[in-house]
Amino acid sequence: MWKALSVGLVLGATAALAQAPSATDAEPRGPDNDPNQIICENQTEIGSRLSRRRVCRTRREWEELRLETRKTTERVQSFKITCERPPCG
């Protein structure tokens, strides 16, 4: 039992170290750091399994969209409903 537990801990620690991002990964390098580079993605239309559309934006616009989406998600998840009179949750 102890052998299985110790092997599991070693494998878990190894996986965590392998996935940990290094400081150099956070810094863009080469031609990939151009904020004006156009990047296109194929997005599935909501409500359809087959319809797709191609969306093209600059690297800077994609990053701003990701940040805004993250802010909205965090705001919605931290929203607390207050109840002034029963019956409330």
N, C-alpha and C. Protein backbone atom coordinates (compact mmCIF):
# COMPACT_ATOMS: atom_id res chain seq x y z
N MET A 1 0.82 -1.19 0.00
CA MET A 1 0.00 0.00 0.00
C MET A 1 0.86 1.26 0.00
N TRP A 2 1.89 1.28 0.85
CA TRP A 2 2.76 2.45 0.92
C TRP A 2 3.52 2.64 -0.39
N LYS A 3 3.86 1.54 -1.01
CA LYS A 3 4.59 1.62 -2.27
C LYS A 3 3.71 2.28 -3.35
N ALA A 4 2.45 1.87 -3.42
CA ALA A 4 1.53 2.46 -4.40
C ALA A 4 1.31 3.94 -4.12
N LEU A 5 1.19 4.30 -2.84
CA LEU A 5 0.99 5.69 -2.47
C LEU A 5 2.21 6.54 -2.82
N SER A 6 3.40 6.03 -2.54
CA SER A 6 4.60 6.80 -2.84
C SER A 6 4.81 6.94 -4.35
N VAL A 7 4.50 5.90 -5.11
CA VAL A 7 4.61 5.99 -6.57
C VAL A 7 3.63 7.02 -7.11
N GLY A 8 2.41 7.03 -6.56
CA GLY A 8 1.40 8.02 -6.99
C GLY A 8 1.84 9.44 -6.69
N LEU A 9 2.43 9.65 -5.52
CA LEU A 9 2.91 10.99 -5.17
C LEU A 9 4.05 11.44 -6.08
N VAL A 10 4.96 10.54 -6.38
CA VAL A 10 6.08 10.88 -7.26
C VAL A 10 5.58 11.21 -8.66
N LEU A 11 4.65 10.40 -9.18
CA LEU A 11 4.12 10.67 -10.51
C LEU A 11 3.34 11.98 -10.54
N GLY A 12 2.57 12.25 -9.49
CA GLY A 12 1.82 13.50 -9.43
C GLY A 12 2.74 14.71 -9.39
N ALA A 13 3.81 14.64 -8.60
CA ALA A 13 4.76 15.74 -8.51
C ALA A 13 5.48 15.95 -9.84
N THR A 14 5.81 14.85 -10.50
CA THR A 14 6.49 14.95 -11.79
C THR A 14 5.58 15.61 -12.83
N ALA A 15 4.31 15.23 -12.84
CA ALA A 15 3.37 15.83 -13.79
C ALA A 15 3.18 17.31 -13.50
N ALA A 16 3.12 17.68 -12.23
CA ALA A 16 2.95 19.09 -11.88
C ALA A 16 4.16 19.92 -12.31
N LEU A 17 5.35 19.37 -12.13
CA LEU A 17 6.55 20.09 -12.55
C LEU A 17 6.63 20.20 -14.07
N ALA A 18 6.19 19.18 -14.76
CA ALA A 18 6.25 19.20 -16.22
C ALA A 18 5.28 20.22 -16.81
N GLN A 19 4.17 20.48 -16.12
CA GLN A 19 3.17 21.40 -16.63
C GLN A 19 3.38 22.83 -16.15
N ALA A 20 4.24 23.05 -15.18
CA ALA A 20 4.44 24.39 -14.65
C ALA A 20 5.06 25.29 -15.72
N PRO A 21 4.45 26.44 -16.00
CA PRO A 21 5.00 27.34 -17.01
C PRO A 21 6.25 28.04 -16.49
N SER A 22 7.21 28.18 -17.34
CA SER A 22 8.42 28.89 -16.94
C SER A 22 8.28 30.36 -17.29
N ALA A 23 9.18 31.17 -16.77
CA ALA A 23 9.13 32.61 -17.01
C ALA A 23 9.33 32.93 -18.48
N THR A 24 10.09 32.10 -19.18
CA THR A 24 10.35 32.38 -20.60
C THR A 24 9.14 32.07 -21.46
N ASP A 25 8.23 31.18 -20.99
CA ASP A 25 7.04 30.85 -21.77
C ASP A 25 6.07 32.03 -21.82
N ALA A 26 6.07 32.87 -20.79
CA ALA A 26 5.14 33.99 -20.73
C ALA A 26 5.55 35.12 -21.68
N GLU A 27 6.81 35.16 -22.04
CA GLU A 27 7.30 36.22 -22.92
C GLU A 27 7.20 35.78 -24.37
N PRO A 28 6.49 36.53 -25.20
CA PRO A 28 6.45 36.18 -26.61
C PRO A 28 7.82 36.38 -27.27
N ARG A 29 8.15 35.51 -28.19
CA ARG A 29 9.43 35.65 -28.88
C ARG A 29 9.24 35.50 -30.38
N GLY A 30 10.16 36.02 -31.10
CA GLY A 30 10.13 35.90 -32.56
C GLY A 30 9.00 36.69 -33.19
N PRO A 31 8.55 36.27 -34.39
CA PRO A 31 7.51 37.00 -35.11
C PRO A 31 6.13 36.85 -34.46
N ASP A 32 6.00 35.98 -33.46
CA ASP A 32 4.71 35.78 -32.81
C ASP A 32 4.32 36.91 -31.87
N ASN A 33 5.19 37.88 -31.64
CA ASN A 33 4.86 38.94 -30.70
C ASN A 33 4.34 40.21 -31.39
N ASP A 34 4.06 40.15 -32.67
CA ASP A 34 3.53 41.30 -33.39
C ASP A 34 2.05 41.49 -33.04
N PRO A 35 1.69 42.59 -32.36
CA PRO A 35 0.30 42.78 -31.95
C PRO A 35 -0.63 43.06 -33.13
N ASN A 36 -0.09 43.40 -34.28
CA ASN A 36 -0.92 43.70 -35.45
C ASN A 36 -1.07 42.53 -36.41
N GLN A 37 -0.52 41.39 -36.05
CA GLN A 37 -0.65 40.20 -36.90
C GLN A 37 -2.10 39.74 -36.91
N ILE A 38 -2.62 39.45 -38.09
CA ILE A 38 -4.00 38.99 -38.24
C ILE A 38 -4.05 37.48 -38.00
N ILE A 39 -4.97 37.06 -37.12
CA ILE A 39 -5.17 35.65 -36.82
C ILE A 39 -6.63 35.32 -37.08
N CYS A 40 -6.88 34.27 -37.84
CA CYS A 40 -8.25 33.87 -38.17
C CYS A 40 -8.58 32.55 -37.48
N GLU A 41 -9.81 32.45 -37.00
CA GLU A 41 -10.30 31.24 -36.36
C GLU A 41 -11.64 30.86 -36.96
N ASN A 42 -11.90 29.57 -37.07
CA ASN A 42 -13.20 29.08 -37.49
C ASN A 42 -14.03 28.86 -36.23
N GLN A 43 -15.19 29.52 -36.16
CA GLN A 43 -16.06 29.41 -34.99
C GLN A 43 -17.37 28.78 -35.39
N THR A 44 -17.86 27.87 -34.53
CA THR A 44 -19.14 27.22 -34.77
C THR A 44 -20.26 28.18 -34.41
N GLU A 45 -21.25 28.28 -35.28
CA GLU A 45 -22.41 29.12 -35.01
C GLU A 45 -23.24 28.49 -33.90
N ILE A 46 -23.68 29.27 -32.96
CA ILE A 46 -24.51 28.78 -31.87
C ILE A 46 -25.85 28.31 -32.43
N GLY A 47 -26.27 27.13 -32.02
CA GLY A 47 -27.54 26.58 -32.48
C GLY A 47 -27.41 25.72 -33.72
N SER A 48 -26.20 25.55 -34.22
CA SER A 48 -26.02 24.73 -35.42
C SER A 48 -24.79 23.85 -35.23
N ARG A 49 -24.91 22.60 -35.64
CA ARG A 49 -23.76 21.71 -35.56
C ARG A 49 -22.89 21.80 -36.80
N LEU A 50 -23.43 22.32 -37.86
CA LEU A 50 -22.71 22.32 -39.13
C LEU A 50 -22.21 23.68 -39.57
N SER A 51 -22.90 24.73 -39.20
CA SER A 51 -22.54 26.06 -39.67
C SER A 51 -21.32 26.61 -38.93
N ARG A 52 -20.39 27.08 -39.70
CA ARG A 52 -19.17 27.69 -39.14
C ARG A 52 -18.93 29.03 -39.83
N ARG A 53 -18.26 29.92 -39.11
CA ARG A 53 -17.87 31.18 -39.74
C ARG A 53 -16.43 31.47 -39.39
N ARG A 54 -15.78 32.17 -40.26
CA ARG A 54 -14.37 32.51 -40.08
C ARG A 54 -14.29 33.92 -39.51
N VAL A 55 -13.59 34.07 -38.36
CA VAL A 55 -13.44 35.36 -37.70
C VAL A 55 -11.97 35.72 -37.70
N CYS A 56 -11.66 36.89 -38.23
CA CYS A 56 -10.27 37.36 -38.28
C CYS A 56 -10.14 38.63 -37.45
N ARG A 57 -9.13 38.65 -36.60
CA ARG A 57 -8.83 39.80 -35.75
C ARG A 57 -7.33 39.87 -35.58
N THR A 58 -6.86 41.01 -35.09
CA THR A 58 -5.43 41.13 -34.80
C THR A 58 -5.15 40.42 -33.48
N ARG A 59 -3.88 40.12 -33.27
CA ARG A 59 -3.45 39.47 -32.03
C ARG A 59 -3.89 40.31 -30.83
N ARG A 60 -3.76 41.62 -30.91
CA ARG A 60 -4.15 42.52 -29.82
C ARG A 60 -5.66 42.43 -29.56
N GLU A 61 -6.47 42.39 -30.62
CA GLU A 61 -7.92 42.29 -30.46
C GLU A 61 -8.34 40.97 -29.81
N TRP A 62 -7.68 39.86 -30.20
CA TRP A 62 -7.99 38.57 -29.58
C TRP A 62 -7.67 38.60 -28.09
N GLU A 63 -6.54 39.20 -27.73
CA GLU A 63 -6.15 39.27 -26.32
C GLU A 63 -7.13 40.13 -25.53
N GLU A 64 -7.57 41.27 -26.10
CA GLU A 64 -8.56 42.11 -25.42
C GLU A 64 -9.88 41.37 -25.24
N LEU A 65 -10.28 40.59 -26.24
CA LEU A 65 -11.51 39.81 -26.15
C LEU A 65 -11.40 38.76 -25.05
N ARG A 66 -10.25 38.07 -24.96
CA ARG A 66 -10.04 37.08 -23.90
C ARG A 66 -10.11 37.72 -22.51
N LEU A 67 -9.46 38.87 -22.35
CA LEU A 67 -9.47 39.55 -21.05
C LEU A 67 -10.88 40.00 -20.67
N GLU A 68 -11.61 40.55 -21.62
CA GLU A 68 -12.98 41.00 -21.35
C GLU A 68 -13.89 39.82 -21.00
N THR A 69 -13.72 38.71 -21.70
CA THR A 69 -14.50 37.51 -21.40
C THR A 69 -14.18 37.00 -20.00
N ARG A 70 -12.91 37.00 -19.63
CA ARG A 70 -12.50 36.56 -18.30
C ARG A 70 -13.09 37.46 -17.23
N LYS A 71 -13.05 38.78 -17.44
CA LYS A 71 -13.62 39.72 -16.46
C LYS A 71 -15.12 39.48 -16.28
N THR A 72 -15.82 39.30 -17.38
CA THR A 72 -17.26 39.07 -17.32
C THR A 72 -17.57 37.77 -16.58
N THR A 73 -16.82 36.73 -16.88
CA THR A 73 -17.04 35.44 -16.22
C THR A 73 -16.80 35.56 -14.72
N GLU A 74 -15.72 36.22 -14.31
CA GLU A 74 -15.43 36.38 -12.89
C GLU A 74 -16.50 37.21 -12.20
N ARG A 75 -17.00 38.25 -12.87
CA ARG A 75 -18.04 39.09 -12.29
C ARG A 75 -19.33 38.28 -12.09
N VAL A 76 -19.71 37.47 -13.07
CA VAL A 76 -20.92 36.67 -12.96
C VAL A 76 -20.77 35.60 -11.88
N GLN A 77 -19.60 34.98 -11.80
CA GLN A 77 -19.39 33.92 -10.81
C GLN A 77 -19.34 34.46 -9.39
N SER A 78 -18.93 35.70 -9.21
CA SER A 78 -18.84 36.27 -7.86
C SER A 78 -20.12 36.99 -7.45
N PHE A 79 -21.12 37.05 -8.33
CA PHE A 79 -22.38 37.73 -8.03
C PHE A 79 -23.13 36.96 -6.95
N LYS A 80 -23.56 37.67 -5.91
CA LYS A 80 -24.31 37.03 -4.83
C LYS A 80 -25.72 37.61 -4.81
N ILE A 81 -26.68 36.72 -4.71
CA ILE A 81 -28.08 37.14 -4.64
C ILE A 81 -28.41 37.45 -3.19
N THR A 82 -28.96 38.61 -2.96
CA THR A 82 -29.39 38.97 -1.62
C THR A 82 -30.89 38.89 -1.55
N CYS A 83 -31.37 38.45 -0.43
CA CYS A 83 -32.81 38.26 -0.25
C CYS A 83 -33.26 39.09 0.94
N GLU A 84 -34.25 39.93 0.72
CA GLU A 84 -34.74 40.77 1.80
C GLU A 84 -35.94 40.15 2.51
N ARG A 85 -36.69 39.31 1.83
CA ARG A 85 -37.82 38.67 2.50
C ARG A 85 -37.94 37.22 2.06
N PRO A 86 -38.44 36.36 2.96
CA PRO A 86 -38.58 34.94 2.63
C PRO A 86 -39.66 34.71 1.60
N PRO A 87 -39.74 33.61 0.94
CA PRO A 87 -38.80 32.49 0.95
C PRO A 87 -37.71 32.68 -0.08
N CYS A 88 -36.52 32.77 0.35
CA CYS A 88 -35.33 32.87 -0.50
C CYS A 88 -34.35 31.82 -0.05
N GLY A 89 -33.79 31.05 -0.98
CA GLY A 89 -32.79 30.05 -0.77
C GLY A 89 -32.45 29.74 0.56
